[in-house]
Amino acid sequence: MSPYTRKQIIKHALQYYIQRPNAEPKDIHREKTVLRQVEEELSREMERNRIKPKEERL
């Protein structure tokens, strides 16, 4: 599995996890910070490897 694919899985897991019920606002804030970092890493990796955004690949 490529590092890009691993980051995509982490991104999707965080997006889902952040929406859980009864989450503390402090936890949500931390998780959104990590999510933004993962999204930035993915963006850089997409540029570096010339991966088109999903909507452009369809």
PDB file of N, CA and C in Angstrom:
ATOM      1  N   MET A   1       0.852  -1.171   0.000  1.00  0.00           N
ATOM      2  CA  MET A   1       0.000   0.000   0.000  1.00  0.00           C
ATOM      3  C   MET A   1       0.896   1.232   0.000  1.00  0.00           C
ATOM      4  N   SER A   2       0.561   2.174  -0.823  1.00  0.00           N
ATOM      5  CA  SER A   2       1.386   3.372  -0.951  1.00  0.00           C
ATOM      6  C   SER A   2       1.152   4.330   0.217  1.00  0.00           C
ATOM      7  N   PRO A   3       2.131   5.194   0.498  1.00  0.00           N
ATOM      8  CA  PRO A   3       1.946   6.213   1.546  1.00  0.00           C
ATOM      9  C   PRO A   3       0.742   7.113   1.250  1.00  0.00           C
ATOM     10  N   TYR A   4       0.511   7.416  -0.008  1.00  0.00           N
ATOM     11  CA  TYR A   4      -0.639   8.235  -0.400  1.00  0.00           C
ATOM     12  C   TYR A   4      -1.947   7.553   0.008  1.00  0.00           C
ATOM     13  N   THR A   5      -2.061   6.276  -0.281  1.00  0.00           N
ATOM     14  CA  THR A   5      -3.271   5.528   0.058  1.00  0.00           C
ATOM     15  C   THR A   5      -3.471   5.479   1.566  1.00  0.00           C
ATOM     16  N   ARG A   6      -2.396   5.287   2.308  1.00  0.00           N
ATOM     17  CA  ARG A   6      -2.477   5.269   3.775  1.00  0.00           C
ATOM     18  C   ARG A   6      -3.003   6.607   4.302  1.00  0.00           C
ATOM     19  N   LYS A   7      -2.505   7.696   3.761  1.00  0.00           N
ATOM     20  CA  LYS A   7      -2.949   9.020   4.196  1.00  0.00           C
ATOM     21  C   LYS A   7      -4.418   9.248   3.847  1.00  0.00           C
ATOM     22  N   GLN A   8      -4.845   8.755   2.691  1.00  0.00           N
ATOM     23  CA  GLN A   8      -6.250   8.886   2.309  1.00  0.00           C
ATOM     24  C   GLN A   8      -7.145   8.143   3.310  1.00  0.00           C
ATOM     25  N   ILE A   9      -6.717   6.959   3.720  1.00  0.00           N
ATOM     26  CA  ILE A   9      -7.484   6.170   4.686  1.00  0.00           C
ATOM     27  C   ILE A   9      -7.546   6.901   6.025  1.00  0.00           C
ATOM     28  N   ILE A  10      -6.426   7.458   6.462  1.00  0.00           N
ATOM     29  CA  ILE A  10      -6.394   8.211   7.713  1.00  0.00           C
ATOM     30  C   ILE A  10      -7.315   9.428   7.614  1.00  0.00           C
ATOM     31  N   LYS A  11      -7.268  10.118   6.477  1.00  0.00           N
ATOM     32  CA  LYS A  11      -8.128  11.289   6.283  1.00  0.00           C
ATOM     33  C   LYS A  11      -9.598  10.910   6.408  1.00  0.00           C
ATOM     34  N   HIS A  12     -10.001   9.839   5.728  1.00  0.00           N
ATOM     35  CA  HIS A  12     -11.399   9.420   5.763  1.00  0.00           C
ATOM     36  C   HIS A  12     -11.804   8.947   7.159  1.00  0.00           C
ATOM     37  N   ALA A  13     -10.914   8.265   7.842  1.00  0.00           N
ATOM     38  CA  ALA A  13     -11.211   7.806   9.202  1.00  0.00           C
ATOM     39  C   ALA A  13     -11.401   8.996  10.142  1.00  0.00           C
ATOM     40  N   LEU A  14     -10.553  10.004  10.018  1.00  0.00           N
ATOM     41  CA  LEU A  14     -10.691  11.196  10.854  1.00  0.00           C
ATOM     42  C   LEU A  14     -11.988  11.939  10.549  1.00  0.00           C
ATOM     43  N   GLN A  15     -12.320  12.059   9.274  1.00  0.00           N
ATOM     44  CA  GLN A  15     -13.556  12.744   8.900  1.00  0.00           C
ATOM     45  C   GLN A  15     -14.765  12.054   9.540  1.00  0.00           C
ATOM     46  N   TYR A  16     -14.756  10.748   9.541  1.00  0.00           N
ATOM     47  CA  TYR A  16     -15.847   9.983  10.148  1.00  0.00           C
ATOM     48  C   TYR A  16     -15.812  10.111  11.673  1.00  0.00           C
ATOM     49  N   TYR A  17     -14.644   9.968  12.254  1.00  0.00           N
ATOM     50  CA  TYR A  17     -14.477   9.968  13.710  1.00  0.00           C
ATOM     51  C   TYR A  17     -14.877  11.301  14.336  1.00  0.00           C
ATOM     52  N   ILE A  18     -14.585  12.385  13.664  1.00  0.00           N
ATOM     53  CA  ILE A  18     -14.906  13.712  14.182  1.00  0.00           C
ATOM     54  C   ILE A  18     -16.413  13.890  14.361  1.00  0.00           C
ATOM     55  N   GLN A  19     -17.199  13.163  13.606  1.00  0.00           N
ATOM     56  CA  GLN A  19     -18.654  13.306  13.656  1.00  0.00           C
ATOM     57  C   GLN A  19     -19.322  12.458  14.736  1.00  0.00           C
ATOM     58  N   ARG A  20     -18.541  11.787  15.566  1.00  0.00           N
ATOM     59  CA  ARG A  20     -19.120  10.897  16.573  1.00  0.00           C
ATOM     60  C   ARG A  20     -19.929  11.697  17.607  1.00  0.00           C
ATOM     61  N   PRO A  21     -20.943  11.074  18.163  1.00  0.00           N
ATOM     62  CA  PRO A  21     -21.728  11.764  19.200  1.00  0.00           C
ATOM     63  C   PRO A  21     -20.940  11.846  20.511  1.00  0.00           C
ATOM     64  N   ASN A  22     -21.273  12.812  21.306  1.00  0.00           N
ATOM     65  CA  ASN A  22     -20.692  12.994  22.645  1.00  0.00           C
ATOM     66  C   ASN A  22     -19.194  13.301  22.640  1.00  0.00           C
ATOM     67  N   ALA A  23     -18.681  13.777  21.537  1.00  0.00           N
ATOM     68  CA  ALA A  23     -17.256  14.139  21.484  1.00  0.00           C
ATOM     69  C   ALA A  23     -17.052  15.468  22.194  1.00  0.00           C
ATOM     70  N   GLU A  24     -15.976  15.562  22.922  1.00  0.00           N
ATOM     71  CA  GLU A  24     -15.642  16.803  23.615  1.00  0.00           C
ATOM     72  C   GLU A  24     -15.146  17.839  22.603  1.00  0.00           C
ATOM     73  N   PRO A  25     -15.542  19.102  22.756  1.00  0.00           N
ATOM     74  CA  PRO A  25     -15.088  20.143  21.828  1.00  0.00           C
ATOM     75  C   PRO A  25     -13.562  20.232  21.725  1.00  0.00           C
ATOM     76  N   LYS A  26     -12.880  20.027  22.837  1.00  0.00           N
ATOM     77  CA  LYS A  26     -11.414  20.065  22.837  1.00  0.00           C
ATOM     78  C   LYS A  26     -10.845  18.946  21.949  1.00  0.00           C
ATOM     79  N   ASP A  27     -11.444  17.758  22.053  1.00  0.00           N
ATOM     80  CA  ASP A  27     -11.006  16.630  21.227  1.00  0.00           C
ATOM     81  C   ASP A  27     -11.261  16.905  19.751  1.00  0.00           C
ATOM     82  N   ILE A  28     -12.445  17.442  19.446  1.00  0.00           N
ATOM     83  CA  ILE A  28     -12.792  17.757  18.055  1.00  0.00           C
ATOM     84  C   ILE A  28     -11.797  18.752  17.476  1.00  0.00           C
ATOM     85  N   HIS A  29     -11.453  19.753  18.255  1.00  0.00           N
ATOM     86  CA  HIS A  29     -10.488  20.761  17.796  1.00  0.00           C
ATOM     87  C   HIS A  29      -9.145  20.100  17.460  1.00  0.00           C
ATOM     88  N   ARG A  30      -8.664  19.252  18.337  1.00  0.00           N
ATOM     89  CA  ARG A  30      -7.384  18.554  18.094  1.00  0.00           C
ATOM     90  C   ARG A  30      -7.461  17.676  16.847  1.00  0.00           C
ATOM     91  N   GLU A  31      -8.559  16.946  16.722  1.00  0.00           N
ATOM     92  CA  GLU A  31      -8.712  16.042  15.589  1.00  0.00           C
ATOM     93  C   GLU A  31      -8.820  16.802  14.269  1.00  0.00           C
ATOM     94  N   LYS A  32      -9.493  17.947  14.289  1.00  0.00           N
ATOM     95  CA  LYS A  32      -9.572  18.762  13.070  1.00  0.00           C
ATOM     96  C   LYS A  32      -8.206  19.317  12.691  1.00  0.00           C
ATOM     97  N   THR A  33      -7.390  19.617  13.690  1.00  0.00           N
ATOM     98  CA  THR A  33      -6.022  20.077  13.417  1.00  0.00           C
ATOM     99  C   THR A  33      -5.226  18.977  12.723  1.00  0.00           C
ATOM    100  N   VAL A  34      -5.339  17.761  13.226  1.00  0.00           N
ATOM    101  CA  VAL A  34      -4.643  16.629  12.605  1.00  0.00           C
ATOM    102  C   VAL A  34      -5.189  16.394  11.199  1.00  0.00           C
ATOM    103  N   LEU A  35      -6.500  16.497  11.039  1.00  0.00           N
ATOM    104  CA  LEU A  35      -7.112  16.313   9.721  1.00  0.00           C
ATOM    105  C   LEU A  35      -6.568  17.329   8.724  1.00  0.00           C
ATOM    106  N   ARG A  36      -6.470  18.588   9.119  1.00  0.00           N
ATOM    107  CA  ARG A  36      -5.918  19.616   8.223  1.00  0.00           C
ATOM    108  C   ARG A  36      -4.476  19.285   7.834  1.00  0.00           C
ATOM    109  N   GLN A  37      -3.694  18.793   8.790  1.00  0.00           N
ATOM    110  CA  GLN A  37      -2.306  18.440   8.500  1.00  0.00           C
ATOM    111  C   GLN A  37      -2.241  17.296   7.486  1.00  0.00           C
ATOM    112  N   VAL A  38      -3.078  16.298   7.670  1.00  0.00           N
ATOM    113  CA  VAL A  38      -3.115  15.165   6.742  1.00  0.00           C
ATOM    114  C   VAL A  38      -3.549  15.636   5.358  1.00  0.00           C
ATOM    115  N   GLU A  39      -4.542  16.511   5.297  1.00  0.00           N
ATOM    116  CA  GLU A  39      -5.003  17.038   4.012  1.00  0.00           C
ATOM    117  C   GLU A  39      -3.897  17.831   3.310  1.00  0.00           C
ATOM    118  N   GLU A  40      -3.136  18.586   4.068  1.00  0.00           N
ATOM    119  CA  GLU A  40      -2.015  19.339   3.481  1.00  0.00           C
ATOM    120  C   GLU A  40      -0.948  18.396   2.950  1.00  0.00           C
ATOM    121  N   GLU A  41      -0.642  17.342   3.701  1.00  0.00           N
ATOM    122  CA  GLU A  41       0.339  16.353   3.241  1.00  0.00           C
ATOM    123  C   GLU A  41      -0.143  15.693   1.955  1.00  0.00           C
ATOM    124  N   LEU A  42      -1.428  15.348   1.913  1.00  0.00           N
ATOM    125  CA  LEU A  42      -1.993  14.739   0.704  1.00  0.00           C
ATOM    126  C   LEU A  42      -1.902  15.683  -0.488  1.00  0.00           C
ATOM    127  N   SER A  43      -2.192  16.939  -0.259  1.00  0.00           N
ATOM    128  CA  SER A  43      -2.134  17.925  -1.331  1.00  0.00           C
ATOM    129  C   SER A  43      -0.714  18.031  -1.894  1.00  0.00           C
ATOM    130  N   ARG A  44       0.253  18.097  -1.001  1.00  0.00           N
ATOM    131  CA  ARG A  44       1.649  18.169  -1.456  1.00  0.00           C
ATOM    132  C   ARG A  44       2.047  16.908  -2.217  1.00  0.00           C
ATOM    133  N   GLU A  45       1.609  15.758  -1.716  1.00  0.00           N
ATOM    134  CA  GLU A  45       1.938  14.506  -2.381  1.00  0.00           C
ATOM    135  C   GLU A  45       1.266  14.413  -3.753  1.00  0.00           C
ATOM    136  N   MET A  46       0.040  14.928  -3.853  1.00  0.00           N
ATOM    137  CA  MET A  46      -0.641  14.929  -5.145  1.00  0.00           C
ATOM    138  C   MET A  46       0.112  15.795  -6.155  1.00  0.00           C
ATOM    139  N   GLU A  47       0.568  16.942  -5.719  1.00  0.00           N
ATOM    140  CA  GLU A  47       1.349  17.820  -6.611  1.00  0.00           C
ATOM    141  C   GLU A  47       2.652  17.149  -7.014  1.00  0.00           C
ATOM    142  N   ARG A  48       3.344  16.605  -6.029  1.00  0.00           N
ATOM    143  CA  ARG A  48       4.653  15.990  -6.274  1.00  0.00           C
ATOM    144  C   ARG A  48       4.540  14.812  -7.242  1.00  0.00           C
ATOM    145  N   ASN A  49       3.473  14.027  -7.117  1.00  0.00           N
ATOM    146  CA  ASN A  49       3.302  12.839  -7.952  1.00  0.00           C
ATOM    147  C   ASN A  49       2.351  13.050  -9.127  1.00  0.00           C
ATOM    148  N   ARG A  50       1.949  14.315  -9.318  1.00  0.00           N
ATOM    149  CA  ARG A  50       1.054  14.685 -10.425  1.00  0.00           C
ATOM    150  C   ARG A  50      -0.226  13.866 -10.439  1.00  0.00           C
ATOM    151  N   ILE A  51      -0.830  13.713  -9.261  1.00  0.00           N
ATOM    152  CA  ILE A  51      -2.105  13.010  -9.137  1.00  0.00           C
ATOM    153  C   ILE A  51      -3.207  14.047  -9.280  1.00  0.00           C
ATOM    154  N   LYS A  52      -4.133  13.795 -10.182  1.00  0.00           N
ATOM    155  CA  LYS A  52      -5.227  14.730 -10.401  1.00  0.00           C
ATOM    156  C   LYS A  52      -6.266  14.556  -9.300  1.00  0.00           C
ATOM    157  N   PRO A  53      -6.936  15.643  -8.920  1.00  0.00           N
ATOM    158  CA  PRO A  53      -8.040  15.529  -7.971  1.00  0.00           C
ATOM    159  C   PRO A  53      -9.111  14.591  -8.529  1.00  0.00           C
ATOM    160  N   LYS A  54      -9.834  13.944  -7.651  1.00  0.00           N
ATOM    161  CA  LYS A  54     -10.822  12.936  -8.046  1.00  0.00           C
ATOM    162  C   LYS A  54     -11.805  13.456  -9.086  1.00  0.00           C
ATOM    163  N   GLU A  55     -12.304  14.680  -8.893  1.00  0.00           N
ATOM    164  CA  GLU A  55     -13.301  15.203  -9.842  1.00  0.00           C
ATOM    165  C   GLU A  55     -12.716  15.374 -11.248  1.00  0.00           C
ATOM    166  N   GLU A  56     -11.406  15.555 -11.366  1.00  0.00           N
ATOM    167  CA  GLU A  56     -10.771  15.683 -12.689  1.00  0.00           C
ATOM    168  C   GLU A  56     -10.523  14.334 -13.317  1.00  0.00           C
ATOM    169  N   ARG A  57     -10.485  13.277 -12.497  1.00  0.00           N
ATOM    170  CA  ARG A  57     -10.209  11.938 -13.024  1.00  0.00           C
ATOM    171  C   ARG A  57     -11.458  11.285 -13.585  1.00  0.00           C
ATOM    172  N   LEU A  58     -12.628  11.777 -13.241  1.00  0.00           N
ATOM    173  CA  LEU A  58     -13.881  11.141 -13.693  1.00  0.00           C
ATOM    174  C   LEU A  58     -14.194  11.422 -15.124  1.00  0.00           C
TER     175      LEU A  58
END
